[in-house]
Amino acid sequence: MVQVILLLFLVISFFISPCLHIIAFPQLINKRTHNNQTPLILAVSRKHLSCVQCLLAAGGDPNIANVLGETALFKGIKIKYIC
């Protein structure tokens, strides 16, 4: 659980390259929070394009849904039309 919290903190933080920290723990790339949020969903939600690219390259699954049924792919499309 501590690793998941650390991972999610790194995704939402404003470090220059948070994806370097994420891929250091490859077993956590598709790990979910209590709301089924994955690092990829959080990175997309926060418009961290470089992190999104890094997570996808490392095997992040864009089709995992959160508790609301939203996937990273869905959120990306939604954000594109909102902005």
C-alpha atoms as a PDB file:
ATOM      1  CA  MET A   1       0.000   0.000   0.000  1.00  0.00           C
ATOM      2  CA  VAL A   2       2.833   2.401   0.796  1.00  0.00           C
ATOM      3  CA  GLN A   3       4.321   1.762  -2.652  1.00  0.00           C
ATOM      4  CA  VAL A   4       0.976   2.578  -4.306  1.00  0.00           C
ATOM      5  CA  ILE A   5       0.693   5.839  -2.392  1.00  0.00           C
ATOM      6  CA  LEU A   6       4.287   6.730  -3.295  1.00  0.00           C
ATOM      7  CA  LEU A   7       3.642   5.869  -6.933  1.00  0.00           C
ATOM      8  CA  LEU A   8       0.507   7.993  -7.120  1.00  0.00           C
ATOM      9  CA  PHE A   9       2.232  10.888  -5.395  1.00  0.00           C
ATOM     10  CA  LEU A  10       4.984  10.785  -8.003  1.00  0.00           C
ATOM     11  CA  VAL A  11       2.467  10.777 -10.849  1.00  0.00           C
ATOM     12  CA  ILE A  12       0.587  13.829  -9.613  1.00  0.00           C
ATOM     13  CA  SER A  13       3.631  15.757  -8.467  1.00  0.00           C
ATOM     14  CA  PHE A  14       5.415  18.291 -10.605  1.00  0.00           C
ATOM     15  CA  PHE A  15       8.799  16.592 -10.870  1.00  0.00           C
ATOM     16  CA  ILE A  16      10.580  17.016 -14.185  1.00  0.00           C
ATOM     17  CA  SER A  17      10.310  13.326 -15.014  1.00  0.00           C
ATOM     18  CA  PRO A  18       7.971  11.420 -12.678  1.00  0.00           C
ATOM     19  CA  CYS A  19       7.729   8.519 -15.096  1.00  0.00           C
ATOM     20  CA  LEU A  20      11.315   7.571 -14.293  1.00  0.00           C
ATOM     21  CA  HIS A  21      10.191   6.765 -10.767  1.00  0.00           C
ATOM     22  CA  ILE A  22       7.152   4.821 -11.966  1.00  0.00           C
ATOM     23  CA  ILE A  23       9.014   2.520 -14.311  1.00  0.00           C
ATOM     24  CA  ALA A  24      11.425   1.760 -11.484  1.00  0.00           C
ATOM     25  CA  PHE A  25       8.524  -0.320 -10.083  1.00  0.00           C
ATOM     26  CA  PRO A  26       7.194  -2.129 -13.184  1.00  0.00           C
ATOM     27  CA  GLN A  27       4.901  -4.325 -11.093  1.00  0.00           C
ATOM     28  CA  LEU A  28       2.985  -1.176 -10.112  1.00  0.00           C
ATOM     29  CA  ILE A  29       2.391   0.290 -13.575  1.00  0.00           C
ATOM     30  CA  ASN A  30      -1.219  -0.938 -13.681  1.00  0.00           C
ATOM     31  CA  LYS A  31      -1.746  -0.950  -9.895  1.00  0.00           C
ATOM     32  CA  ARG A  32      -5.075   0.508  -8.827  1.00  0.00           C
ATOM     33  CA  THR A  33      -6.073   2.771  -5.959  1.00  0.00           C
ATOM     34  CA  HIS A  34      -9.224   2.206  -3.898  1.00  0.00           C
ATOM     35  CA  ASN A  35     -11.114   4.017  -6.705  1.00  0.00           C
ATOM     36  CA  ASN A  36      -9.459   1.819  -9.344  1.00  0.00           C
ATOM     37  CA  GLN A  37      -7.413   4.774 -10.582  1.00  0.00           C
ATOM     38  CA  THR A  38      -4.206   3.691 -12.293  1.00  0.00           C
ATOM     39  CA  PRO A  39      -1.091   5.832 -12.713  1.00  0.00           C
ATOM     40  CA  LEU A  40      -2.039   6.143 -16.393  1.00  0.00           C
ATOM     41  CA  ILE A  41      -5.538   7.439 -15.595  1.00  0.00           C
ATOM     42  CA  LEU A  42      -4.064   9.955 -13.150  1.00  0.00           C
ATOM     43  CA  ALA A  43      -1.375  11.077 -15.587  1.00  0.00           C
ATOM     44  CA  VAL A  44      -3.966  11.592 -18.353  1.00  0.00           C
ATOM     45  CA  SER A  45      -6.272  13.460 -15.960  1.00  0.00           C
ATOM     46  CA  ARG A  46      -3.458  15.833 -15.064  1.00  0.00           C
ATOM     47  CA  LYS A  47      -2.276  16.241 -18.678  1.00  0.00           C
ATOM     48  CA  HIS A  48       1.227  14.869 -17.997  1.00  0.00           C
ATOM     49  CA  LEU A  49       1.878  13.891 -21.612  1.00  0.00           C
ATOM     50  CA  SER A  50       5.461  12.727 -21.123  1.00  0.00           C
ATOM     51  CA  CYS A  51       4.392  10.543 -18.212  1.00  0.00           C
ATOM     52  CA  VAL A  52       1.486   9.128 -20.248  1.00  0.00           C
ATOM     53  CA  GLN A  53       3.870   8.233 -23.076  1.00  0.00           C
ATOM     54  CA  CYS A  54       6.309   6.634 -20.646  1.00  0.00           C
ATOM     55  CA  LEU A  55       3.582   4.596 -18.916  1.00  0.00           C
ATOM     56  CA  LEU A  56       2.185   3.370 -22.231  1.00  0.00           C
ATOM     57  CA  ALA A  57       5.652   2.382 -23.427  1.00  0.00           C
ATOM     58  CA  ALA A  58       6.196   0.496 -20.161  1.00  0.00           C
ATOM     59  CA  GLY A  59       2.965  -1.483 -20.539  1.00  0.00           C
ATOM     60  CA  GLY A  60       0.343   0.758 -18.967  1.00  0.00           C
ATOM     61  CA  ASP A  61      -3.116  -0.476 -19.957  1.00  0.00           C
ATOM     62  CA  PRO A  62      -5.345   2.341 -21.329  1.00  0.00           C
ATOM     63  CA  ASN A  63      -8.437   0.130 -21.063  1.00  0.00           C
ATOM     64  CA  ILE A  64      -8.521  -0.369 -17.270  1.00  0.00           C
ATOM     65  CA  ALA A  65     -11.591   1.426 -15.915  1.00  0.00           C
ATOM     66  CA  ASN A  66     -11.961   3.265 -12.628  1.00  0.00           C
ATOM     67  CA  VAL A  67     -15.046   2.935 -10.381  1.00  0.00           C
ATOM     68  CA  LEU A  68     -16.926   5.342 -12.656  1.00  0.00           C
ATOM     69  CA  GLY A  69     -16.177   3.197 -15.706  1.00  0.00           C
ATOM     70  CA  GLU A  70     -13.716   5.744 -17.124  1.00  0.00           C
ATOM     71  CA  THR A  71     -10.551   4.481 -18.798  1.00  0.00           C
ATOM     72  CA  ALA A  72      -7.399   6.479 -19.518  1.00  0.00           C
ATOM     73  CA  LEU A  73      -8.411   6.459 -23.167  1.00  0.00           C
ATOM     74  CA  PHE A  74     -11.884   7.810 -22.330  1.00  0.00           C
ATOM     75  CA  LYS A  75     -10.429  10.512 -20.087  1.00  0.00           C
ATOM     76  CA  GLY A  76      -7.966  11.537 -22.803  1.00  0.00           C
ATOM     77  CA  ILE A  77     -10.756  11.985 -25.336  1.00  0.00           C
ATOM     78  CA  LYS A  78     -12.896  13.812 -22.783  1.00  0.00           C
ATOM     79  CA  ILE A  79     -10.064  16.197 -21.859  1.00  0.00           C
ATOM     80  CA  LYS A  80      -9.317  16.927 -25.523  1.00  0.00           C
ATOM     81  CA  TYR A  81     -12.868  18.158 -26.036  1.00  0.00           C
ATOM     82  CA  ILE A  82     -12.978  20.100 -22.773  1.00  0.00           C
ATOM     83  CA  CYS A  83      -9.772  22.057 -23.440  1.00  0.00           C
END
